Amino acid sequence: MAKKPLKLCPLAQHIVKMLAESDRPGHGPTYAVGKAHELHGQTTNEVLVWASRSLDGRNRSDLADLLRGASSEDVDAGDLVAVARVEKAIRALPALDLKELLS
């Protein structure tokens, strides 16, 4: 029986690659496969919230470095945490009613 391929958003792909290539104890390809299964099917926003909650400071910094290199934008670990906090706050708010706002 063929294995179903995992569906990972680009951010999740970066995270899995970073964890697979890490030489930190407990990291590496096997650890990365487990995280890939954990991130399977999640949106970029969900993965960002997961990363801010689940990755330690060093991994968040490594992820920021990787994203900085991939996009040539000045991103740091604090930016990732701040964006994740905003995303969590937006999800906690009730849906906005544009008609109500405009009246």
PDB file of N, CA and C in Angstrom:
ATOM      1  N   MET A   1       0.838  -1.171   0.000  1.00  0.00           N
ATOM      2  CA  MET A   1       0.000   0.000   0.000  1.00  0.00           C
ATOM      3  C   MET A   1       0.892   1.246   0.000  1.00  0.00           C
ATOM      4  N   ALA A   2       0.647   2.154  -0.932  1.00  0.00           N
ATOM      5  CA  ALA A   2       1.452   3.359  -1.040  1.00  0.00           C
ATOM      6  C   ALA A   2       1.069   4.347   0.058  1.00  0.00           C
ATOM      7  N   LYS A   3       2.080   5.037   0.552  1.00  0.00           N
ATOM      8  CA  LYS A   3       1.829   6.041   1.580  1.00  0.00           C
ATOM      9  C   LYS A   3       1.277   7.296   0.931  1.00  0.00           C
ATOM     10  N   LYS A   4       0.313   7.915   1.607  1.00  0.00           N
ATOM     11  CA  LYS A   4      -0.260   9.152   1.120  1.00  0.00           C
ATOM     12  C   LYS A   4       0.728  10.283   1.410  1.00  0.00           C
ATOM     13  N   PRO A   5       1.064  11.106   0.397  1.00  0.00           N
ATOM     14  CA  PRO A   5       2.022  12.185   0.640  1.00  0.00           C
ATOM     15  C   PRO A   5       1.444  13.221   1.601  1.00  0.00           C
ATOM     16  N   LEU A   6       2.324  13.783   2.408  1.00  0.00           N
ATOM     17  CA  LEU A   6       1.903  14.795   3.362  1.00  0.00           C
ATOM     18  C   LEU A   6       1.694  16.127   2.645  1.00  0.00           C
ATOM     19  N   LYS A   7       0.671  16.831   3.068  1.00  0.00           N
ATOM     20  CA  LYS A   7       0.387  18.150   2.507  1.00  0.00           C
ATOM     21  C   LYS A   7       0.925  19.188   3.494  1.00  0.00           C
ATOM     22  N   LEU A   8       2.022  19.849   3.118  1.00  0.00           N
ATOM     23  CA  LEU A   8       2.652  20.839   3.977  1.00  0.00           C
ATOM     24  C   LEU A   8       2.695  22.185   3.268  1.00  0.00           C
ATOM     25  N   CYS A   9       2.273  23.231   3.968  1.00  0.00           N
ATOM     26  CA  CYS A   9       2.374  24.581   3.412  1.00  0.00           C
ATOM     27  C   CYS A   9       3.860  24.938   3.308  1.00  0.00           C
ATOM     28  N   PRO A  10       4.219  25.974   2.563  1.00  0.00           N
ATOM     29  CA  PRO A  10       5.638  26.332   2.424  1.00  0.00           C
ATOM     30  C   PRO A  10       6.345  26.584   3.758  1.00  0.00           C
ATOM     31  N   LEU A  11       5.670  27.228   4.704  1.00  0.00           N
ATOM     32  CA  LEU A  11       6.301  27.469   6.004  1.00  0.00           C
ATOM     33  C   LEU A  11       6.590  26.149   6.716  1.00  0.00           C
ATOM     34  N   ALA A  12       5.650  25.226   6.679  1.00  0.00           N
ATOM     35  CA  ALA A  12       5.859  23.912   7.297  1.00  0.00           C
ATOM     36  C   ALA A  12       7.007  23.178   6.612  1.00  0.00           C
ATOM     37  N   GLN A  13       7.116  23.315   5.306  1.00  0.00           N
ATOM     38  CA  GLN A  13       8.219  22.685   4.582  1.00  0.00           C
ATOM     39  C   GLN A  13       9.560  23.227   5.071  1.00  0.00           C
ATOM     40  N   HIS A  14       9.637  24.549   5.284  1.00  0.00           N
ATOM     41  CA  HIS A  14      10.867  25.155   5.804  1.00  0.00           C
ATOM     42  C   HIS A  14      11.185  24.618   7.198  1.00  0.00           C
ATOM     43  N   ILE A  15      10.165  24.519   8.037  1.00  0.00           N
ATOM     44  CA  ILE A  15      10.376  24.038   9.403  1.00  0.00           C
ATOM     45  C   ILE A  15      10.875  22.597   9.399  1.00  0.00           C
ATOM     46  N   VAL A  16      10.233  21.745   8.621  1.00  0.00           N
ATOM     47  CA  VAL A  16      10.622  20.334   8.561  1.00  0.00           C
ATOM     48  C   VAL A  16      12.044  20.191   8.029  1.00  0.00           C
ATOM     49  N   LYS A  17      12.371  20.944   7.001  1.00  0.00           N
ATOM     50  CA  LYS A  17      13.734  20.892   6.442  1.00  0.00           C
ATOM     51  C   LYS A  17      14.751  21.348   7.486  1.00  0.00           C
ATOM     52  N   MET A  18      14.433  22.440   8.190  1.00  0.00           N
ATOM     53  CA  MET A  18      15.332  22.960   9.213  1.00  0.00           C
ATOM     54  C   MET A  18      15.564  21.919  10.308  1.00  0.00           C
ATOM     55  N   LEU A  19      14.491  21.282  10.764  1.00  0.00           N
ATOM     56  CA  LEU A  19      14.618  20.278  11.826  1.00  0.00           C
ATOM     57  C   LEU A  19      15.370  19.041  11.341  1.00  0.00           C
ATOM     58  N   ALA A  20      15.160  18.657  10.092  1.00  0.00           N
ATOM     59  CA  ALA A  20      15.846  17.481   9.543  1.00  0.00           C
ATOM     60  C   ALA A  20      17.350  17.710   9.425  1.00  0.00           C
ATOM     61  N   GLU A  21      17.740  18.939   9.115  1.00  0.00           N
ATOM     62  CA  GLU A  21      19.155  19.242   8.912  1.00  0.00           C
ATOM     63  C   GLU A  21      19.860  19.671  10.196  1.00  0.00           C
ATOM     64  N   SER A  22      19.120  19.785  11.283  1.00  0.00           N
ATOM     65  CA  SER A  22      19.694  20.237  12.548  1.00  0.00           C
ATOM     66  C   SER A  22      20.609  19.175  13.142  1.00  0.00           C
ATOM     67  N   ASP A  23      21.714  19.647  13.736  1.00  0.00           N
ATOM     68  CA  ASP A  23      22.630  18.721  14.398  1.00  0.00           C
ATOM     69  C   ASP A  23      22.438  18.741  15.914  1.00  0.00           C
ATOM     70  N   ARG A  24      21.365  19.362  16.376  1.00  0.00           N
ATOM     71  CA  ARG A  24      21.070  19.402  17.804  1.00  0.00           C
ATOM     72  C   ARG A  24      20.646  18.005  18.279  1.00  0.00           C
ATOM     73  N   PRO A  25      20.966  17.652  19.501  1.00  0.00           N
ATOM     74  CA  PRO A  25      20.538  16.348  20.033  1.00  0.00           C
ATOM     75  C   PRO A  25      19.011  16.231  19.995  1.00  0.00           C
ATOM     76  N   GLY A  26      18.533  15.082  19.545  1.00  0.00           N
ATOM     77  CA  GLY A  26      17.089  14.840  19.464  1.00  0.00           C
ATOM     78  C   GLY A  26      16.456  15.330  18.182  1.00  0.00           C
ATOM     79  N   HIS A  27      17.182  16.078  17.388  1.00  0.00           N
ATOM     80  CA  HIS A  27      16.666  16.555  16.112  1.00  0.00           C
ATOM     81  C   HIS A  27      17.163  15.625  15.016  1.00  0.00           C
ATOM     82  N   GLY A  28      16.853  15.941  13.790  1.00  0.00           N
ATOM     83  CA  GLY A  28      17.300  15.138  12.667  1.00  0.00           C
ATOM     84  C   GLY A  28      16.117  14.616  11.877  1.00  0.00           C
ATOM     85  N   PRO A  29      16.387  13.758  10.903  1.00  0.00           N
ATOM     86  CA  PRO A  29      15.348  13.294   9.989  1.00  0.00           C
ATOM     87  C   PRO A  29      14.152  12.619  10.666  1.00  0.00           C
ATOM     88  N   THR A  30      14.383  11.768  11.649  1.00  0.00           N
ATOM     89  CA  THR A  30      13.277  11.072  12.303  1.00  0.00           C
ATOM     90  C   THR A  30      12.383  12.053  13.049  1.00  0.00           C
ATOM     91  N   TYR A  31      12.986  12.977  13.771  1.00  0.00           N
ATOM     92  CA  TYR A  31      12.245  14.006  14.500  1.00  0.00           C
ATOM     93  C   TYR A  31      11.439  14.862  13.523  1.00  0.00           C
ATOM     94  N   ALA A  32      12.059  15.213  12.402  1.00  0.00           N
ATOM     95  CA  ALA A  32      11.403  16.049  11.400  1.00  0.00           C
ATOM     96  C   ALA A  32      10.190  15.347  10.789  1.00  0.00           C
ATOM     97  N   VAL A  33      10.273  14.040  10.583  1.00  0.00           N
ATOM     98  CA  VAL A  33       9.131  13.288  10.032  1.00  0.00           C
ATOM     99  C   VAL A  33       7.950  13.360  10.991  1.00  0.00           C
ATOM    100  N   GLY A  34       8.218  13.232  12.285  1.00  0.00           N
ATOM    101  CA  GLY A  34       7.147  13.341  13.273  1.00  0.00           C
ATOM    102  C   GLY A  34       6.497  14.714  13.241  1.00  0.00           C
ATOM    103  N   LYS A  35       7.304  15.750  13.111  1.00  0.00           N
ATOM    104  CA  LYS A  35       6.764  17.113  13.052  1.00  0.00           C
ATOM    105  C   LYS A  35       6.015  17.332  11.747  1.00  0.00           C
ATOM    106  N   ALA A  36       6.461  16.727  10.668  1.00  0.00           N
ATOM    107  CA  ALA A  36       5.763  16.846   9.384  1.00  0.00           C
ATOM    108  C   ALA A  36       4.354  16.274   9.504  1.00  0.00           C
ATOM    109  N   HIS A  37       4.222  15.143  10.185  1.00  0.00           N
ATOM    110  CA  HIS A  37       2.895  14.560  10.388  1.00  0.00           C
ATOM    111  C   HIS A  37       2.034  15.476  11.255  1.00  0.00           C
ATOM    112  N   GLU A  38       2.659  16.119  12.226  1.00  0.00           N
ATOM    113  CA  GLU A  38       1.945  17.045  13.104  1.00  0.00           C
ATOM    114  C   GLU A  38       1.448  18.274  12.335  1.00  0.00           C
ATOM    115  N   LEU A  39       2.215  18.718  11.338  1.00  0.00           N
ATOM    116  CA  LEU A  39       1.884  19.928  10.575  1.00  0.00           C
ATOM    117  C   LEU A  39       1.070  19.642   9.318  1.00  0.00           C
ATOM    118  N   HIS A  40       0.873  18.392   9.010  1.00  0.00           N
ATOM    119  CA  HIS A  40       0.146  17.976   7.804  1.00  0.00           C
ATOM    120  C   HIS A  40      -1.234  18.645   7.728  1.00  0.00           C
ATOM    121  N   GLY A  41      -1.523  19.281   6.600  1.00  0.00           N
ATOM    122  CA  GLY A  41      -2.837  19.849   6.334  1.00  0.00           C
ATOM    123  C   GLY A  41      -3.112  21.188   7.002  1.00  0.00           C
ATOM    124  N   GLN A  42      -2.169  21.714   7.757  1.00  0.00           N
ATOM    125  CA  GLN A  42      -2.394  22.992   8.423  1.00  0.00           C
ATOM    126  C   GLN A  42      -2.109  24.159   7.482  1.00  0.00           C
ATOM    127  N   THR A  43      -2.828  25.248   7.701  1.00  0.00           N
ATOM    128  CA  THR A  43      -2.599  26.462   6.917  1.00  0.00           C
ATOM    129  C   THR A  43      -1.322  27.136   7.399  1.00  0.00           C
ATOM    130  N   THR A  44      -0.854  28.091   6.631  1.00  0.00           N
ATOM    131  CA  THR A  44       0.341  28.844   7.030  1.00  0.00           C
ATOM    132  C   THR A  44       0.116  29.527   8.378  1.00  0.00           C
ATOM    133  N   ASN A  45      -1.051  30.116   8.568  1.00  0.00           N
ATOM    134  CA  ASN A  45      -1.348  30.781   9.839  1.00  0.00           C
ATOM    135  C   ASN A  45      -1.305  29.794  10.996  1.00  0.00           C
ATOM    136  N   GLU A  46      -1.889  28.627  10.816  1.00  0.00           N
ATOM    137  CA  GLU A  46      -1.878  27.609  11.870  1.00  0.00           C
ATOM    138  C   GLU A  46      -0.450  27.142  12.172  1.00  0.00           C
ATOM    139  N   VAL A  47       0.354  26.994  11.133  1.00  0.00           N
ATOM    140  CA  VAL A  47       1.741  26.569  11.318  1.00  0.00           C
ATOM    141  C   VAL A  47       2.527  27.650  12.050  1.00  0.00           C
ATOM    142  N   LEU A  48       2.265  28.897  11.736  1.00  0.00           N
ATOM    143  CA  LEU A  48       2.957  29.990  12.419  1.00  0.00           C
ATOM    144  C   LEU A  48       2.623  30.011  13.904  1.00  0.00           C
ATOM    145  N   VAL A  49       1.359  29.836  14.231  1.00  0.00           N
ATOM    146  CA  VAL A  49       0.960  29.774  15.638  1.00  0.00           C
ATOM    147  C   VAL A  49       1.613  28.564  16.303  1.00  0.00           C
ATOM    148  N   TRP A  50       1.628  27.428  15.617  1.00  0.00           N
ATOM    149  CA  TRP A  50       2.275  26.225  16.143  1.00  0.00           C
ATOM    150  C   TRP A  50       3.755  26.501  16.411  1.00  0.00           C
ATOM    151  N   ALA A  51       4.438  27.142  15.456  1.00  0.00           N
ATOM    152  CA  ALA A  51       5.874  27.401  15.595  1.00  0.00           C
ATOM    153  C   ALA A  51       6.157  28.308  16.789  1.00  0.00           C
ATOM    154  N   SER A  52       5.327  29.321  16.984  1.00  0.00           N
ATOM    155  CA  SER A  52       5.574  30.232  18.103  1.00  0.00           C
ATOM    156  C   SER A  52       5.332  29.545  19.440  1.00  0.00           C
ATOM    157  N   ARG A  53       4.450  28.563  19.449  1.00  0.00           N
ATOM    158  CA  ARG A  53       4.115  27.852  20.678  1.00  0.00           C
ATOM    159  C   ARG A  53       5.047  26.649  20.914  1.00  0.00           C
ATOM    160  N   SER A  54       5.442  25.969  19.865  1.00  0.00           N
ATOM    161  CA  SER A  54       6.115  24.682  20.005  1.00  0.00           C
ATOM    162  C   SER A  54       7.631  24.713  19.837  1.00  0.00           C
ATOM    163  N   LEU A  55       8.143  25.636  19.049  1.00  0.00           N
ATOM    164  CA  LEU A  55       9.590  25.678  18.828  1.00  0.00           C
ATOM    165  C   LEU A  55      10.263  26.461  19.943  1.00  0.00           C
ATOM    166  N   ASP A  56      11.426  26.002  20.359  1.00  0.00           N
ATOM    167  CA  ASP A  56      12.167  26.755  21.362  1.00  0.00           C
ATOM    168  C   ASP A  56      12.823  27.974  20.702  1.00  0.00           C
ATOM    169  N   GLY A  57      13.403  28.825  21.519  1.00  0.00           N
ATOM    170  CA  GLY A  57      13.985  30.073  21.021  1.00  0.00           C
ATOM    171  C   GLY A  57      15.033  29.867  19.947  1.00  0.00           C
ATOM    172  N   ARG A  58      15.867  28.863  20.123  1.00  0.00           N
ATOM    173  CA  ARG A  58      16.926  28.613  19.127  1.00  0.00           C
ATOM    174  C   ARG A  58      16.323  28.198  17.792  1.00  0.00           C
ATOM    175  N   ASN A  59      15.325  27.311  17.832  1.00  0.00           N
ATOM    176  CA  ASN A  59      14.690  26.889  16.577  1.00  0.00           C
ATOM    177  C   ASN A  59      13.925  28.040  15.928  1.00  0.00           C
ATOM    178  N   ARG A  60      13.285  28.899  16.733  1.00  0.00           N
ATOM    179  CA  ARG A  60      12.609  30.073  16.156  1.00  0.00           C
ATOM    180  C   ARG A  60      13.623  30.996  15.489  1.00  0.00           C
ATOM    181  N   SER A  61      14.779  31.168  16.122  1.00  0.00           N
ATOM    182  CA  SER A  61      15.832  31.996  15.521  1.00  0.00           C
ATOM    183  C   SER A  61      16.346  31.374  14.231  1.00  0.00           C
ATOM    184  N   ASP A  62      16.548  30.059  14.246  1.00  0.00           N
ATOM    185  CA  ASP A  62      16.986  29.362  13.030  1.00  0.00           C
ATOM    186  C   ASP A  62      15.954  29.506  11.924  1.00  0.00           C
ATOM    187  N   LEU A  63      14.669  29.408  12.288  1.00  0.00           N
ATOM    188  CA  LEU A  63      13.610  29.564  11.297  1.00  0.00           C
ATOM    189  C   LEU A  63      13.609  30.980  10.739  1.00  0.00           C
ATOM    190  N   ALA A  64      13.783  31.980  11.591  1.00  0.00           N
ATOM    191  CA  ALA A  64      13.835  33.371  11.129  1.00  0.00           C
ATOM    192  C   ALA A  64      15.014  33.566  10.174  1.00  0.00           C
ATOM    193  N   ASP A  65      16.169  32.976  10.489  1.00  0.00           N
ATOM    194  CA  ASP A  65      17.328  33.057   9.603  1.00  0.00           C
ATOM    195  C   ASP A  65      17.023  32.430   8.250  1.00  0.00           C
ATOM    196  N   LEU A  66      16.384  31.275   8.283  1.00  0.00           N
ATOM    197  CA  LEU A  66      16.036  30.579   7.047  1.00  0.00           C
ATOM    198  C   LEU A  66      15.065  31.423   6.209  1.00  0.00           C
ATOM    199  N   LEU A  67      14.056  32.002   6.858  1.00  0.00           N
ATOM    200  CA  LEU A  67      13.083  32.831   6.139  1.00  0.00           C
ATOM    201  C   LEU A  67      13.729  34.108   5.614  1.00  0.00           C
ATOM    202  N   ARG A  68      14.639  34.677   6.376  1.00  0.00           N
ATOM    203  CA  ARG A  68      15.341  35.874   5.938  1.00  0.00           C
ATOM    204  C   ARG A  68      16.128  35.584   4.664  1.00  0.00           C
ATOM    205  N   GLY A  69      16.787  34.446   4.646  1.00  0.00           N
ATOM    206  CA  GLY A  69      17.558  34.070   3.465  1.00  0.00           C
ATOM    207  C   GLY A  69      16.684  33.755   2.266  1.00  0.00           C
ATOM    208  N   ALA A  70      15.508  33.177   2.509  1.00  0.00           N
ATOM    209  CA  ALA A  70      14.614  32.798   1.411  1.00  0.00           C
ATOM    210  C   ALA A  70      13.871  33.995   0.831  1.00  0.00           C
ATOM    211  N   SER A  71      13.654  35.036   1.649  1.00  0.00           N
ATOM    212  CA  SER A  71      12.830  36.138   1.164  1.00  0.00           C
ATOM    213  C   SER A  71      13.562  37.466   1.075  1.00  0.00           C
ATOM    214  N   SER A  72      14.755  37.541   1.578  1.00  0.00           N
ATOM    215  CA  SER A  72      15.548  38.770   1.650  1.00  0.00           C
ATOM    216  C   SER A  72      14.856  39.866   2.454  1.00  0.00           C
ATOM    217  N   GLU A  73      13.943  39.474   3.341  1.00  0.00           N
ATOM    218  CA  GLU A  73      13.296  40.415   4.270  1.00  0.00           C
ATOM    219  C   GLU A  73      13.979  40.288   5.625  1.00  0.00           C
ATOM    220  N   ASP A  74      14.012  41.379   6.371  1.00  0.00           N
ATOM    221  CA  ASP A  74      14.641  41.381   7.689  1.00  0.00           C
ATOM    222  C   ASP A  74      13.658  40.834   8.719  1.00  0.00           C
ATOM    223  N   VAL A  75      13.683  39.530   8.952  1.00  0.00           N
ATOM    224  CA  VAL A  75      12.780  38.844   9.867  1.00  0.00           C
ATOM    225  C   VAL A  75      13.595  38.326  11.041  1.00  0.00           C
ATOM    226  N   ASP A  76      13.041  38.483  12.248  1.00  0.00           N
ATOM    227  CA  ASP A  76      13.706  37.860  13.392  1.00  0.00           C
ATOM    228  C   ASP A  76      12.683  37.043  14.181  1.00  0.00           C
ATOM    229  N   ALA A  77      13.157  36.309  15.172  1.00  0.00           N
ATOM    230  CA  ALA A  77      12.286  35.405  15.927  1.00  0.00           C
ATOM    231  C   ALA A  77      11.162  36.164  16.616  1.00  0.00           C
ATOM    232  N   GLY A  78      11.427  37.371  17.071  1.00  0.00           N
ATOM    233  CA  GLY A  78      10.390  38.180  17.705  1.00  0.00           C
ATOM    234  C   GLY A  78       9.262  38.513  16.756  1.00  0.00           C
ATOM    235  N   ASP A  79       9.593  38.713  15.486  1.00  0.00           N
ATOM    236  CA  ASP A  79       8.559  38.979  14.477  1.00  0.00           C
ATOM    237  C   ASP A  79       7.629  37.784  14.333  1.00  0.00           C
ATOM    238  N   LEU A  80       8.199  36.587  14.336  1.00  0.00           N
ATOM    239  CA  LEU A  80       7.380  35.380  14.200  1.00  0.00           C
ATOM    240  C   LEU A  80       6.407  35.252  15.364  1.00  0.00           C
ATOM    241  N   VAL A  81       6.890  35.507  16.566  1.00  0.00           N
ATOM    242  CA  VAL A  81       6.037  35.413  17.753  1.00  0.00           C
ATOM    243  C   VAL A  81       4.953  36.487  17.711  1.00  0.00           C
ATOM    244  N   ALA A  82       5.321  37.710  17.300  1.00  0.00           N
ATOM    245  CA  ALA A  82       4.344  38.801  17.242  1.00  0.00           C
ATOM    246  C   ALA A  82       3.235  38.495  16.241  1.00  0.00           C
ATOM    247  N   VAL A  83       3.588  37.999  15.080  1.00  0.00           N
ATOM    248  CA  VAL A  83       2.588  37.667  14.070  1.00  0.00           C
ATOM    249  C   VAL A  83       1.685  36.540  14.567  1.00  0.00           C
ATOM    250  N   ALA A  84       2.255  35.568  15.232  1.00  0.00           N
ATOM    251  CA  ALA A  84       1.452  34.464  15.770  1.00  0.00           C
ATOM    252  C   ALA A  84       0.478  34.974  16.823  1.00  0.00           C
ATOM    253  N   ARG A  85       0.902  35.916  17.657  1.00  0.00           N
ATOM    254  CA  ARG A  85      -0.005  36.485  18.658  1.00  0.00           C
ATOM    255  C   ARG A  85      -1.156  37.214  17.992  1.00  0.00           C
ATOM    256  N   VAL A  86      -0.874  37.979  16.944  1.00  0.00           N
ATOM    257  CA  VAL A  86      -1.936  38.685  16.224  1.00  0.00           C
ATOM    258  C   VAL A  86      -2.903  37.682  15.614  1.00  0.00           C
ATOM    259  N   GLU A  87      -2.380  36.627  15.022  1.00  0.00           N
ATOM    260  CA  GLU A  87      -3.229  35.602  14.414  1.00  0.00           C
ATOM    261  C   GLU A  87      -4.128  34.966  15.464  1.00  0.00           C
ATOM    262  N   LYS A  88      -3.597  34.651  16.631  1.00  0.00           N
ATOM    263  CA  LYS A  88      -4.410  34.059  17.692  1.00  0.00           C
ATOM    264  C   LYS A  88      -5.491  35.035  18.147  1.00  0.00           C
ATOM    265  N   ALA A  89      -5.155  36.317  18.240  1.00  0.00           N
ATOM    266  CA  ALA A  89      -6.132  37.320  18.660  1.00  0.00           C
ATOM    267  C   ALA A  89      -7.238  37.469  17.625  1.00  0.00           C
ATOM    268  N   ILE A  90      -6.876  37.459  16.362  1.00  0.00           N
ATOM    269  CA  ILE A  90      -7.873  37.575  15.294  1.00  0.00           C
ATOM    270  C   ILE A  90      -8.834  36.393  15.341  1.00  0.00           C
ATOM    271  N   ARG A  91      -8.310  35.191  15.563  1.00  0.00           N
ATOM    272  CA  ARG A  91      -9.178  34.015  15.638  1.00  0.00           C
ATOM    273  C   ARG A  91     -10.097  34.060  16.849  1.00  0.00           C
ATOM    274  N   ALA A  92      -9.672  34.736  17.913  1.00  0.00           N
ATOM    275  CA  ALA A  92     -10.481  34.812  19.120  1.00  0.00           C
ATOM    276  C   ALA A  92     -11.624  35.814  18.989  1.00  0.00           C
ATOM    277  N   LEU A  93     -11.481  36.769  18.075  1.00  0.00           N
ATOM    278  CA  LEU A  93     -12.530  37.772  17.879  1.00  0.00           C
ATOM    279  C   LEU A  93     -13.709  37.173  17.133  1.00  0.00           C
ATOM    280  N   PRO A  94     -14.908  37.679  17.412  1.00  0.00           N
ATOM    281  CA  PRO A  94     -16.048  37.208  16.615  1.00  0.00           C
ATOM    282  C   PRO A  94     -15.897  37.704  15.175  1.00  0.00           C
ATOM    283  N   ALA A  95     -16.538  37.017  14.274  1.00  0.00           N
ATOM    284  CA  ALA A  95     -16.488  37.416  12.860  1.00  0.00           C
ATOM    285  C   ALA A  95     -17.032  38.835  12.723  1.00  0.00           C
ATOM    286  N   LEU A  96     -16.369  39.638  11.908  1.00  0.00           N
ATOM    287  CA  LEU A  96     -16.804  41.019  11.705  1.00  0.00           C
ATOM    288  C   LEU A  96     -17.963  41.063  10.721  1.00  0.00           C
ATOM    289  N   ASP A  97     -18.944  41.876  11.026  1.00  0.00           N
ATOM    290  CA  ASP A  97     -20.081  42.102  10.147  1.00  0.00           C
ATOM    291  C   ASP A  97     -19.861  43.424   9.437  1.00  0.00           C
ATOM    292  N   LEU A  98     -19.435  43.367   8.167  1.00  0.00           N
ATOM    293  CA  LEU A  98     -19.106  44.579   7.433  1.00  0.00           C
ATOM    294  C   LEU A  98     -20.308  45.504   7.268  1.00  0.00           C
ATOM    295  N   LYS A  99     -21.494  44.938   7.075  1.00  0.00           N
ATOM    296  CA  LYS A  99     -22.690  45.787   6.944  1.00  0.00           C
ATOM    297  C   LYS A  99     -22.920  46.577   8.220  1.00  0.00           C
ATOM    298  N   GLU A 100     -22.722  45.937   9.360  1.00  0.00           N
ATOM    299  CA  GLU A 100     -22.899  46.609  10.636  1.00  0.00           C
ATOM    300  C   GLU A 100     -21.851  47.699  10.815  1.00  0.00           C
ATOM    301  N   LEU A 101     -20.615  47.428  10.420  1.00  0.00           N
ATOM    302  CA  LEU A 101     -19.550  48.414  10.553  1.00  0.00           C
ATOM    303  C   LEU A 101     -19.795  49.635   9.669  1.00  0.00           C
ATOM    304  N   LEU A 102     -20.381  49.434   8.505  1.00  0.00           N
ATOM    305  CA  LEU A 102     -20.585  50.526   7.544  1.00  0.00           C
ATOM    306  C   LEU A 102     -21.856  51.325   7.806  1.00  0.00           C
ATOM    307  N   SER A 103     -22.738  50.842   8.656  1.00  0.00           N
ATOM    308  CA  SER A 103     -23.982  51.583   8.884  1.00  0.00           C
ATOM    309  C   SER A 103     -23.869  52.576  10.018  1.00  0.00           C
TER     310      SER A 103
END
